[in-house]
Amino acid sequence: MKRIALLGIVLALAACADTSRVNNPVVGRLSYFQYLAGQDIKSTCTADAPARYRFVYNAVFDEQVRSYDLIQTADGAKLAVNVGNSEIRLFEFPLSWPIRPEGIKRQAEADLSRADYLALIRQVEADGFGAPAQEGLRLQSYDFYWAVSACAGGKFHFNAWVNQTPGFAALRFPQLLYSHDTTSIPPAKPFANTYGAYMSRRTGDLGPDRNFEMIVRNGELGNILTLF
């Protein structure tokens, strides 16, 4: 399997680039990875900023990606939900929800009460979010994983859980998110998957293979980016 590694020099170029120009090949290529890593949350994380959380469920990238953006309000929190399909474009989106209009299956919003907001935050903490992210953990696009980034109390934190690794099956915060999800699209259930199994299930309508992986380094995501 041929891999092309995009290392520090590319990431440095992306950091210096104008993110408003989606036709910039570096920015276009990396904007989804920045979104997944919560780089926009990190860049605006100050002591006076409201708490903000992003939960991304990768359920085989070509098939279903769910995003839950949560921001604290005076009365609780606002939750924005997006469910995407195989029209996600790695190379053609701005640094925002990274799905072109034709690739959005459903969007929804919800107002959470203070009690519901606190229940969700307490549960993700109980699930181990506050612990250091596992060094070297690989998030592979053909697999199932949760990636969570947050700014709370002026501090940024990232963590992730990958299918078939300790703790993934025991996560309880997803059910709380789903309880506020009105998209009517059921979450894809995880199953044991490999790159070979994924490729054997693909059909022509999915287009070219666009698999990628990201690796946790020093508590964050995206220090090393590998495209398959």
Protein backbone atom coordinates (compact mmCIF):
# COMPACT_ATOMS: atom_id res chain seq x y z
CA MET A 1 0.00 0.00 0.00
CA LYS A 2 1.57 3.27 -1.09
CA ARG A 3 1.57 6.08 1.47
CA ILE A 4 2.45 9.72 1.08
CA ALA A 5 3.53 11.34 4.33
CA LEU A 6 2.91 15.08 4.76
CA LEU A 7 5.13 16.13 7.62
CA GLY A 8 6.04 19.30 9.50
CA ILE A 9 6.84 21.49 6.51
CA VAL A 10 3.35 21.07 5.08
CA LEU A 11 1.71 21.71 8.44
CA ALA A 12 3.84 24.83 8.85
CA LEU A 13 2.73 26.10 5.45
CA ALA A 14 -0.89 25.48 6.38
CA ALA A 15 -0.50 27.43 9.60
CA CYS A 16 0.74 30.45 7.65
CA ALA A 17 -1.84 30.21 4.87
CA ASP A 18 -4.99 32.31 4.45
CA THR A 19 -7.78 29.94 5.47
CA SER A 20 -10.38 32.01 3.63
CA ARG A 21 -8.95 30.85 0.30
CA VAL A 22 -10.35 27.35 -0.15
CA ASN A 23 -8.67 27.03 -3.55
CA ASN A 24 -5.29 27.05 -1.81
CA PRO A 25 -4.19 23.40 -2.24
CA VAL A 26 -2.51 23.21 1.17
CA VAL A 27 -5.38 24.79 3.08
CA GLY A 28 -7.96 22.81 1.11
CA ARG A 29 -6.21 19.56 1.81
CA LEU A 30 -5.70 20.16 5.51
CA SER A 31 -8.88 21.95 6.54
CA TYR A 32 -10.82 18.78 7.40
CA PHE A 33 -7.89 17.52 9.46
CA GLN A 34 -7.75 20.86 11.27
CA TYR A 35 -11.46 20.61 11.97
CA LEU A 36 -11.09 17.06 13.28
CA ALA A 37 -8.18 18.15 15.47
CA GLY A 38 -10.13 21.15 16.81
CA GLN A 39 -7.54 23.67 15.64
CA ASP A 40 -10.15 26.43 15.32
CA ILE A 41 -11.26 25.74 18.89
CA LYS A 42 -7.67 25.84 20.11
CA SER A 43 -6.90 29.11 18.31
CA THR A 44 -9.81 30.91 20.02
CA CYS A 45 -9.41 29.31 23.45
CA THR A 46 -9.09 32.07 26.03
CA ALA A 47 -9.97 32.31 29.70
CA ASP A 48 -13.07 34.40 28.97
CA ALA A 49 -14.33 32.23 26.10
CA PRO A 50 -17.46 30.11 26.68
CA ALA A 51 -16.83 26.39 27.01
CA ARG A 52 -16.89 24.72 23.63
CA TYR A 53 -16.77 21.03 22.73
CA ARG A 54 -16.62 19.19 19.42
CA PHE A 55 -17.48 15.50 19.14
CA VAL A 56 -16.76 13.80 15.81
CA TYR A 57 -17.85 10.21 15.18
CA ASN A 58 -16.09 8.64 12.22
CA ALA A 59 -18.12 5.60 11.16
CA VAL A 60 -16.11 4.71 8.05
CA PHE A 61 -15.33 8.06 6.45
CA ASP A 62 -16.91 7.31 3.08
CA GLU A 63 -20.14 6.17 4.72
CA GLN A 64 -21.02 8.25 7.78
CA VAL A 65 -19.41 11.07 9.76
CA ARG A 66 -21.35 12.74 12.56
CA SER A 67 -20.32 16.06 14.11
CA TYR A 68 -21.67 17.59 17.33
CA ASP A 69 -20.55 21.13 18.11
CA LEU A 70 -21.51 22.25 21.60
CA ILE A 71 -21.13 25.78 22.98
CA GLN A 72 -22.07 26.89 26.47
CA THR A 73 -24.71 29.59 26.91
CA ALA A 74 -26.08 31.43 29.94
CA ASP A 75 -28.93 28.93 30.24
CA GLY A 76 -27.20 25.75 29.14
CA ALA A 77 -25.77 25.12 25.69
CA LYS A 78 -26.46 25.09 21.98
CA LEU A 79 -25.77 21.93 20.03
CA ALA A 80 -25.27 21.82 16.24
CA VAL A 81 -25.49 18.39 14.62
CA ASN A 82 -24.29 17.43 11.15
CA VAL A 83 -24.41 14.04 9.49
CA GLY A 84 -22.40 13.58 6.31
CA ASN A 85 -22.04 10.92 3.65
CA SER A 86 -19.59 9.87 0.95
CA GLU A 87 -19.76 13.31 -0.72
CA ILE A 88 -17.34 14.65 1.90
CA ARG A 89 -14.48 16.26 0.01
CA LEU A 90 -11.05 16.23 1.61
CA PHE A 91 -9.75 18.80 -0.84
CA GLU A 92 -12.62 21.26 -1.33
CA PHE A 93 -13.98 22.69 1.90
CA PRO A 94 -13.32 25.68 4.19
CA LEU A 95 -12.38 25.45 7.84
CA SER A 96 -15.91 24.90 9.11
CA TRP A 97 -18.22 21.93 8.91
CA PRO A 98 -16.30 20.09 6.18
CA ILE A 99 -19.07 18.81 3.93
CA ARG A 100 -20.24 20.30 0.66
CA PRO A 101 -24.00 21.01 0.46
CA GLU A 102 -24.65 17.91 -1.65
CA GLY A 103 -22.83 15.82 0.93
CA ILE A 104 -24.90 16.87 3.93
CA LYS A 105 -27.47 14.26 4.78
CA ARG A 106 -29.04 16.17 7.64
CA GLN A 107 -28.42 19.08 9.98
CA ALA A 108 -30.14 19.85 13.27
CA GLU A 109 -29.84 22.13 16.26
CA ALA A 110 -30.87 21.75 19.87
CA ASP A 111 -30.97 23.92 22.97
CA LEU A 112 -29.75 22.03 26.01
CA SER A 113 -30.83 22.94 29.49
CA ARG A 114 -28.12 23.58 32.05
CA ALA A 115 -28.86 20.18 33.59
CA ASP A 116 -28.54 18.41 30.23
CA TYR A 117 -25.36 20.30 29.40
CA LEU A 118 -23.76 19.42 32.75
CA ALA A 119 -24.84 15.79 32.41
CA LEU A 120 -23.10 15.56 29.04
CA ILE A 121 -19.91 17.25 30.20
CA ARG A 122 -19.75 15.15 33.36
CA GLN A 123 -20.24 11.99 31.33
CA VAL A 124 -17.50 12.72 28.81
CA GLU A 125 -15.19 13.43 31.74
CA ALA A 126 -16.24 10.17 33.39
CA ASP A 127 -15.46 8.42 30.11
CA GLY A 128 -11.86 9.62 30.42
CA PHE A 129 -11.75 12.71 28.23
CA GLY A 130 -9.56 14.58 30.70
CA ALA A 131 -6.81 11.97 30.57
CA PRO A 132 -3.91 12.46 28.16
CA ALA A 133 -4.63 11.22 24.65
CA GLN A 134 -2.86 7.95 23.89
CA GLU A 135 0.47 8.72 22.27
CA GLY A 136 0.75 7.23 18.80
CA LEU A 137 -2.95 6.40 18.53
CA ARG A 138 -3.90 6.05 14.86
CA LEU A 139 -7.24 7.34 13.62
CA GLN A 140 -7.84 5.54 10.33
CA SER A 141 -10.56 6.77 8.03
CA TYR A 142 -11.91 3.29 7.25
CA ASP A 143 -12.42 2.55 10.95
CA PHE A 144 -14.76 3.73 13.72
CA TYR A 145 -13.58 6.30 16.24
CA TRP A 146 -14.59 9.29 18.35
CA ALA A 147 -12.43 12.42 18.35
CA VAL A 148 -13.27 15.08 20.96
CA SER A 149 -11.72 18.53 21.27
CA ALA A 150 -12.66 21.21 23.78
CA CYS A 151 -11.87 24.57 25.24
CA ALA A 152 -12.96 24.90 28.86
CA GLY A 153 -11.63 27.32 31.46
CA GLY A 154 -9.23 28.74 28.90
CA LYS A 155 -7.53 25.39 28.33
CA PHE A 156 -7.63 23.28 25.17
CA HIS A 157 -7.75 19.49 25.34
CA PHE A 158 -8.07 16.66 22.82
CA ASN A 159 -8.75 12.97 23.19
CA ALA A 160 -9.86 10.10 21.02
CA TRP A 161 -11.14 6.53 21.24
CA VAL A 162 -10.73 3.99 18.45
CA ASN A 163 -12.90 0.91 17.91
CA GLN A 164 -11.57 -2.28 19.49
CA THR A 165 -9.24 -0.40 21.83
CA PRO A 166 -9.76 -0.21 25.61
CA GLY A 167 -12.58 2.09 26.59
CA PHE A 168 -14.30 2.50 23.22
CA ALA A 169 -17.17 0.10 23.85
CA ALA A 170 -17.66 1.52 27.35
CA LEU A 171 -18.22 5.13 26.21
CA ARG A 172 -21.48 6.56 27.52
CA PHE A 173 -21.39 10.15 26.25
CA PRO A 174 -22.47 9.12 22.71
CA GLN A 175 -25.89 8.07 23.98
CA LEU A 176 -26.39 11.48 25.58
CA LEU A 177 -25.48 13.17 22.29
CA TYR A 178 -27.84 10.91 20.37
CA SER A 179 -30.65 11.81 22.76
CA HIS A 180 -30.45 15.40 21.47
CA ASP A 181 -29.94 14.40 17.81
CA THR A 182 -33.09 15.03 15.75
CA THR A 183 -31.61 14.21 12.34
CA SER A 184 -33.54 10.90 12.27
CA ILE A 185 -30.46 9.20 10.84
CA PRO A 186 -29.39 6.38 13.16
CA PRO A 187 -25.72 6.23 14.13
CA ALA A 188 -23.80 3.54 12.30
CA LYS A 189 -22.93 0.68 14.63
CA PRO A 190 -19.23 -0.11 14.87
CA PHE A 191 -17.87 -3.43 13.69
CA ALA A 192 -14.41 -4.91 13.26
CA ASN A 193 -13.01 -3.45 10.06
CA THR A 194 -9.71 -3.58 8.22
CA TYR A 195 -8.42 -1.75 5.19
CA GLY A 196 -8.73 -4.95 3.15
CA ALA A 197 -12.30 -5.55 4.30
CA TYR A 198 -13.19 -1.94 3.56
CA MET A 199 -11.78 -2.12 0.04
CA SER A 200 -13.61 -5.36 -0.66
CA ARG A 201 -16.93 -3.69 0.23
CA ARG A 202 -16.42 -0.64 -1.94
CA THR A 203 -18.41 -0.12 -5.11
CA GLY A 204 -17.75 2.13 -8.07
CA ASP A 205 -20.14 4.85 -6.92
CA LEU A 206 -17.90 5.68 -3.96
CA GLY A 207 -15.29 7.16 -6.27
CA PRO A 208 -11.52 6.90 -5.75
CA ASP A 209 -10.03 5.56 -2.55
CA ARG A 210 -9.48 8.57 -0.27
CA ASN A 211 -8.33 6.88 2.90
CA PHE A 212 -6.12 8.65 5.38
CA GLU A 213 -4.93 8.34 8.93
CA MET A 214 -3.97 10.81 11.60
CA ILE A 215 -1.75 10.11 14.58
CA VAL A 216 -1.82 11.50 18.10
CA ARG A 217 1.42 13.22 19.01
CA ASN A 218 2.03 15.14 22.24
CA GLY A 219 -1.62 15.09 23.20
CA GLU A 220 -2.91 16.51 19.91
CA LEU A 221 -3.93 15.26 16.51
CA GLY A 222 -2.33 15.90 13.18
CA ASN A 223 1.39 16.20 13.90
CA ILE A 224 1.80 13.45 11.34
CA LEU A 225 -0.63 13.04 8.48
CA THR A 226 -0.56 10.05 6.19
CA LEU A 227 -2.63 9.64 3.07
CA PHE A 228 -3.07 6.11 1.74
